[in-house]
Amino acid sequence: MRYAVIDVGSNSVRLMVSEELERLYKKINTTKLGMGLALTGRLDVNRMIETANTVEQYVQEAKAEKCAKIFVFATEAVRSATNKNEFVAMLAKRGISIDIVTSEDEAKLGFTGAYTNGVCCVLDIGGASAELAVGDESGLSYAKSLPIGLMRIYDKCQEDIKAIDEYVADTIAGYGQLPRFDNLLAIGGTATSFVAIKEEMTTYAPDVVDGYVLTKNDIDGMTARIHAMDMQDRLSLAGLDPKRANVIVGGGRLLSAIMSMLGRDSIIVRESDNQEGYLRRSLFAEQEDEEKE
């Protein structure tokens, strides 16, 4: 049986089509729904329209793929916006319902999708929030989401490195002390973008990305290199999505700062993320409901 999961993120809308729990493919469109949110607290009307159109297109594609169920969920940008009901209504007019996940659930979903073995810490940097979750096969011992991400950093700091580092340091102090863990895993477009840039990918290769080890030196070096480039050069940089060209610097500084805070000099990048986590949770919840009946 086929399923589709559509993640309405703060920076991008992503579609995953799977056969049972096995991913067939993913697609992404960067609509920057969360642009300006940190300054106004609201979602921009044009961004909402573009995002809703993308969601509708992905729903139609999922139907063409004969997906038995189509799950649509949203994260921090929609969750925190004062006008989120306008966006929900915009989708409802298209016959689409959306699940707005809580901040704690967002951290749990990322962990569920990315977990490998042992005690893992999963880091998910998004457009408007960043999550850390620690746990093992028996469950989570820690999960926290903070309202910081690529779009918020860009809104507040543009590419002023000093301002970015101060903003990041003040915010991530909110994670507090984490439990002990063995492996640090990273999911989300910031980490995967740095792999694509390092490998100079002209076509994104998920099999190469999954399990790739990035060092803090890798991230710091690429971030500094991109920061020194003008926009025209960035747009031709192999591996960098042009729609991320103006936000990747903030993402790199945030990723590096969290690694320093955790005392780690490398991360393992995972291709499986909150979409896989959402599907697993949804299907297992349905199975439990059927068993109760």
Protein backbone atom coordinates (compact mmCIF):
# COMPACT_ATOMS: atom_id res chain seq x y z
CA MET A 1 0.00 0.00 0.00
CA ARG A 2 1.29 3.44 -0.87
CA TYR A 3 1.27 6.49 1.37
CA ALA A 4 2.20 10.15 0.96
CA VAL A 5 3.45 12.54 3.63
CA ILE A 6 3.59 16.28 2.96
CA ASP A 7 5.64 18.39 5.36
CA VAL A 8 4.74 22.08 5.32
CA GLY A 9 7.90 23.59 6.76
CA SER A 10 9.00 27.13 7.46
CA ASN A 11 11.37 27.14 4.49
CA SER A 12 10.17 24.32 2.22
CA VAL A 13 7.26 22.06 1.37
CA ARG A 14 8.31 18.43 0.96
CA LEU A 15 6.54 15.39 -0.47
CA MET A 16 7.43 11.81 0.40
CA VAL A 17 5.83 8.85 -1.35
CA SER A 18 6.37 5.43 0.22
CA GLU A 19 5.43 1.79 -0.25
CA GLU A 20 4.35 0.86 3.27
CA LEU A 21 7.28 2.23 5.33
CA GLU A 22 9.82 2.09 2.51
CA ARG A 23 10.51 5.49 0.96
CA LEU A 24 10.16 5.58 -2.83
CA TYR A 25 11.09 9.22 -3.38
CA LYS A 26 11.01 12.73 -1.99
CA LYS A 27 10.44 16.09 -3.65
CA ILE A 28 10.92 19.61 -2.35
CA ASN A 29 9.83 23.13 -3.22
CA THR A 30 11.29 26.04 -1.27
CA THR A 31 8.40 28.47 -0.70
CA LYS A 32 9.86 30.32 2.33
CA LEU A 33 6.55 30.37 4.19
CA GLY A 34 8.30 31.63 7.34
CA MET A 35 9.99 34.64 5.70
CA GLY A 36 9.34 37.73 7.82
CA LEU A 37 7.68 35.75 10.62
CA ALA A 38 10.35 36.71 13.17
CA LEU A 39 9.66 40.40 12.50
CA THR A 40 5.86 40.46 12.17
CA GLY A 41 4.60 37.30 13.84
CA ARG A 42 2.50 36.69 10.73
CA LEU A 43 2.68 34.63 7.55
CA ASP A 44 2.94 36.68 4.36
CA VAL A 45 -0.14 36.32 2.11
CA ASN A 46 1.85 35.66 -1.07
CA ARG A 47 3.99 33.06 0.72
CA MET A 48 0.84 31.37 1.96
CA ILE A 49 -0.64 31.26 -1.54
CA GLU A 50 2.54 29.80 -3.06
CA THR A 51 2.78 27.26 -0.26
CA ALA A 52 -0.88 26.25 -0.52
CA ASN A 53 -0.50 25.84 -4.29
CA THR A 54 2.50 23.57 -3.75
CA VAL A 55 0.64 21.48 -1.19
CA GLU A 56 -2.27 21.11 -3.61
CA GLN A 57 0.10 20.05 -6.41
CA TYR A 58 1.69 17.45 -4.16
CA VAL A 59 -1.72 16.13 -3.09
CA GLN A 60 -2.63 15.70 -6.77
CA GLU A 61 0.66 13.91 -7.42
CA ALA A 62 0.04 11.60 -4.45
CA LYS A 63 -3.39 10.75 -5.82
CA ALA A 64 -1.86 10.04 -9.23
CA GLU A 65 0.57 7.69 -7.46
CA LYS A 66 -2.52 5.93 -6.04
CA CYS A 67 -1.55 6.63 -2.44
CA ALA A 68 -4.10 5.10 -0.06
CA LYS A 69 -3.62 7.89 2.47
CA ILE A 70 -2.15 11.37 2.25
CA PHE A 71 -0.89 12.94 5.45
CA VAL A 72 -0.24 16.70 5.62
CA PHE A 73 1.42 18.30 8.63
CA ALA A 74 2.91 21.70 9.48
CA THR A 75 5.62 22.80 11.90
CA GLU A 76 6.85 26.00 13.57
CA ALA A 77 5.98 28.68 11.00
CA VAL A 78 2.31 27.73 10.95
CA ARG A 79 2.30 26.76 14.63
CA SER A 80 3.52 30.16 15.85
CA ALA A 81 1.91 32.53 13.32
CA THR A 82 -0.88 34.73 14.64
CA ASN A 83 -2.73 34.33 11.33
CA LYS A 84 -2.29 30.55 11.02
CA ASN A 85 -6.05 30.11 10.71
CA GLU A 86 -5.94 31.99 7.40
CA PHE A 87 -3.52 29.44 6.02
CA VAL A 88 -5.54 26.52 7.39
CA ALA A 89 -8.65 27.99 5.73
CA MET A 90 -6.76 28.47 2.47
CA LEU A 91 -5.98 24.75 2.41
CA ALA A 92 -9.49 23.80 3.53
CA LYS A 93 -10.93 25.57 0.47
CA ARG A 94 -8.79 23.19 -1.59
CA GLY A 95 -10.18 20.21 0.33
CA ILE A 96 -6.99 19.69 2.32
CA SER A 97 -6.81 19.28 6.10
CA ILE A 98 -3.53 19.84 7.92
CA ASP A 99 -2.16 18.64 11.25
CA ILE A 100 -0.22 21.36 13.09
CA VAL A 101 2.21 19.42 15.27
CA THR A 102 3.34 20.69 18.66
CA SER A 103 6.95 21.68 19.28
CA GLU A 104 7.56 18.58 21.41
CA ASP A 105 5.99 16.36 18.76
CA GLU A 106 8.21 17.93 16.10
CA ALA A 107 11.29 16.84 18.06
CA LYS A 108 9.84 13.35 18.56
CA LEU A 109 8.97 12.93 14.88
CA GLY A 110 12.49 13.81 13.77
CA PHE A 111 13.96 11.35 16.25
CA THR A 112 11.59 8.57 15.20
CA GLY A 113 12.51 9.02 11.55
CA ALA A 114 16.28 9.34 12.00
CA TYR A 115 17.08 6.95 14.85
CA THR A 116 19.64 4.25 14.11
CA ASN A 117 20.93 2.42 17.21
CA GLY A 118 22.25 2.98 20.70
CA VAL A 119 21.67 6.30 22.41
CA CYS A 120 21.31 8.99 19.74
CA CYS A 121 20.89 12.74 19.75
CA VAL A 122 18.97 13.98 16.72
CA LEU A 123 19.34 17.60 15.61
CA ASP A 124 16.80 19.06 13.20
CA ILE A 125 17.41 22.60 11.93
CA GLY A 126 14.43 24.04 10.10
CA GLY A 127 13.37 27.43 8.87
CA ALA A 128 11.83 28.71 12.10
CA SER A 129 12.81 26.17 14.77
CA ALA A 130 15.54 23.76 15.76
CA GLU A 131 14.94 20.54 17.68
CA LEU A 132 17.15 18.31 19.79
CA ALA A 133 15.99 14.89 20.94
CA VAL A 134 17.89 12.20 22.83
CA GLY A 135 16.83 8.60 23.26
CA ASP A 136 17.22 4.97 22.33
CA GLU A 137 15.03 2.11 21.09
CA SER A 138 12.95 2.31 24.29
CA GLY A 139 12.01 5.97 23.81
CA LEU A 140 13.08 9.55 24.47
CA SER A 141 14.84 10.88 27.54
CA TYR A 142 14.97 14.47 26.23
CA ALA A 143 13.16 16.51 23.56
CA LYS A 144 13.16 20.26 23.09
CA SER A 145 12.32 22.67 20.27
CA LEU A 146 13.51 26.28 20.23
CA PRO A 147 12.21 29.05 17.93
CA ILE A 148 15.38 29.54 15.89
CA GLY A 149 16.10 28.53 12.30
CA LEU A 150 17.28 29.73 8.91
CA MET A 151 14.44 32.17 8.27
CA ARG A 152 14.42 33.66 11.77
CA ILE A 153 18.19 34.16 11.68
CA TYR A 154 18.01 35.85 8.29
CA ASP A 155 15.07 38.05 9.33
CA LYS A 156 16.87 39.24 12.45
CA CYS A 157 20.53 39.28 11.40
CA GLN A 158 20.79 39.03 7.61
CA GLU A 159 24.42 37.83 7.18
CA ASP A 160 26.06 39.80 9.98
CA ILE A 161 28.21 37.05 11.52
CA LYS A 162 28.64 38.81 14.88
CA ALA A 163 24.91 39.39 15.19
CA ILE A 164 24.15 35.80 14.10
CA ASP A 165 26.54 34.30 16.64
CA GLU A 166 25.16 36.42 19.48
CA TYR A 167 21.55 35.61 18.59
CA VAL A 168 22.34 31.90 18.24
CA ALA A 169 24.28 31.73 21.52
CA ASP A 170 21.52 33.47 23.47
CA THR A 171 18.83 31.23 22.03
CA ILE A 172 20.44 27.78 22.17
CA ALA A 173 21.28 28.28 25.85
CA GLY A 174 17.61 27.34 26.24
CA TYR A 175 18.44 23.69 25.52
CA GLY A 176 20.06 23.39 28.92
CA GLN A 177 21.89 20.20 29.88
CA LEU A 178 21.27 17.19 27.64
CA PRO A 179 21.52 13.54 28.73
CA ARG A 180 24.53 11.50 27.63
CA PHE A 181 24.41 10.12 24.11
CA ASP A 182 26.66 8.19 21.72
CA ASN A 183 25.91 9.47 18.21
CA LEU A 184 24.90 12.92 16.99
CA LEU A 185 22.62 12.70 13.96
CA ALA A 186 21.54 15.67 11.85
CA ILE A 187 18.44 15.94 9.68
CA GLY A 188 16.98 18.78 7.64
CA GLY A 189 18.03 20.88 4.69
CA THR A 190 20.97 22.65 6.34
CA ALA A 191 22.92 19.46 7.05
CA THR A 192 22.01 17.80 3.74
CA SER A 193 22.92 20.96 1.84
CA PHE A 194 26.43 20.97 3.30
CA VAL A 195 26.90 17.37 2.18
CA ALA A 196 25.70 18.27 -1.33
CA ILE A 197 28.05 21.28 -1.43
CA LYS A 198 31.05 19.31 -0.16
CA GLU A 199 30.42 16.57 -2.74
CA GLU A 200 29.68 19.16 -5.47
CA MET A 201 26.42 17.44 -6.36
CA THR A 202 24.80 18.65 -9.55
CA THR A 203 22.02 16.14 -8.88
CA TYR A 204 21.00 15.45 -5.30
CA ALA A 205 21.94 11.89 -4.30
CA PRO A 206 20.07 10.75 -1.14
CA ASP A 207 22.03 7.48 -0.94
CA VAL A 208 25.28 9.45 -0.68
CA VAL A 209 23.84 11.88 1.86
CA ASP A 210 22.45 9.23 4.20
CA GLY A 211 25.10 8.30 6.77
CA TYR A 212 27.58 10.95 5.57
CA VAL A 213 29.93 12.25 8.26
CA LEU A 214 30.48 16.01 8.31
CA THR A 215 33.06 17.57 10.62
CA LYS A 216 32.73 20.92 12.32
CA ASN A 217 35.75 22.06 10.31
CA ASP A 218 33.88 21.10 7.11
CA ILE A 219 30.87 23.18 8.13
CA ASP A 220 32.87 26.19 9.33
CA GLY A 221 35.02 26.18 6.19
CA MET A 222 32.07 25.96 3.78
CA THR A 223 30.11 28.59 5.69
CA ALA A 224 33.02 31.04 5.57
CA ARG A 225 33.58 30.33 1.89
CA ILE A 226 29.92 30.94 1.01
CA HIS A 227 29.78 34.08 3.17
CA ALA A 228 32.69 35.52 1.17
CA MET A 229 30.93 34.89 -2.16
CA ASP A 230 28.65 37.34 -3.90
CA MET A 231 25.16 36.13 -4.73
CA GLN A 232 25.94 35.43 -8.37
CA ASP A 233 28.73 33.02 -7.42
CA ARG A 234 26.51 31.31 -4.86
CA LEU A 235 23.84 30.70 -7.46
CA SER A 236 26.32 28.68 -9.51
CA LEU A 237 27.79 26.77 -6.56
CA ALA A 238 27.34 23.02 -7.10
CA GLY A 239 25.18 21.44 -4.41
CA LEU A 240 23.59 24.67 -3.15
CA ASP A 241 19.90 25.13 -3.88
CA PRO A 242 19.62 28.70 -5.23
CA LYS A 243 16.61 29.27 -2.95
CA ARG A 244 18.87 28.62 0.06
CA ALA A 245 21.64 30.94 -1.11
CA ASN A 246 20.70 33.78 1.25
CA VAL A 247 19.98 31.67 4.35
CA ILE A 248 22.69 28.98 4.30
CA VAL A 249 25.23 31.12 6.19
CA GLY A 250 22.96 31.46 9.22
CA GLY A 251 22.21 27.76 9.07
CA GLY A 252 25.90 26.93 9.07
CA ARG A 253 26.62 29.14 12.06
CA LEU A 254 23.69 27.60 13.97
CA LEU A 255 24.76 24.04 13.16
CA SER A 256 28.34 24.75 14.19
CA ALA A 257 27.28 26.45 17.44
CA ILE A 258 25.06 23.54 18.48
CA MET A 259 27.89 21.10 17.78
CA SER A 260 30.20 23.17 19.98
CA MET A 261 27.58 23.31 22.72
CA LEU A 262 27.29 19.51 22.59
CA GLY A 263 31.07 19.05 22.51
CA ARG A 264 31.06 17.22 19.17
CA ASP A 265 33.38 17.76 16.21
CA SER A 266 31.37 15.66 13.75
CA ILE A 267 27.79 14.73 12.85
CA ILE A 268 26.18 11.87 10.94
CA VAL A 269 23.70 13.20 8.37
CA ARG A 270 20.48 11.24 7.90
CA GLU A 271 18.12 11.31 4.95
CA SER A 272 15.27 9.81 6.98
CA ASP A 273 13.60 12.50 9.06
CA ASN A 274 10.28 13.76 10.41
CA GLN A 275 8.35 12.59 7.34
CA GLU A 276 9.31 8.98 8.01
CA GLY A 277 8.63 9.63 11.70
CA TYR A 278 5.18 11.03 10.99
CA LEU A 279 4.27 8.07 8.79
CA ARG A 280 5.44 5.54 11.37
CA ARG A 281 3.49 7.25 14.14
CA SER A 282 0.34 7.57 12.04
CA LEU A 283 0.32 3.96 10.86
CA PHE A 284 1.12 2.53 14.30
CA ALA A 285 -1.62 4.70 15.87
CA GLU A 286 -4.12 3.34 13.35
CA GLN A 287 -2.99 -0.21 14.09
CA GLU A 288 -3.47 0.33 17.83
CA ASP A 289 -6.96 1.76 17.25
CA GLU A 290 -7.91 -1.29 15.15
CA GLU A 291 -6.63 -3.66 17.84
CA LYS A 292 -8.72 -1.86 20.50
CA GLU A 293 -11.83 -2.31 18.36
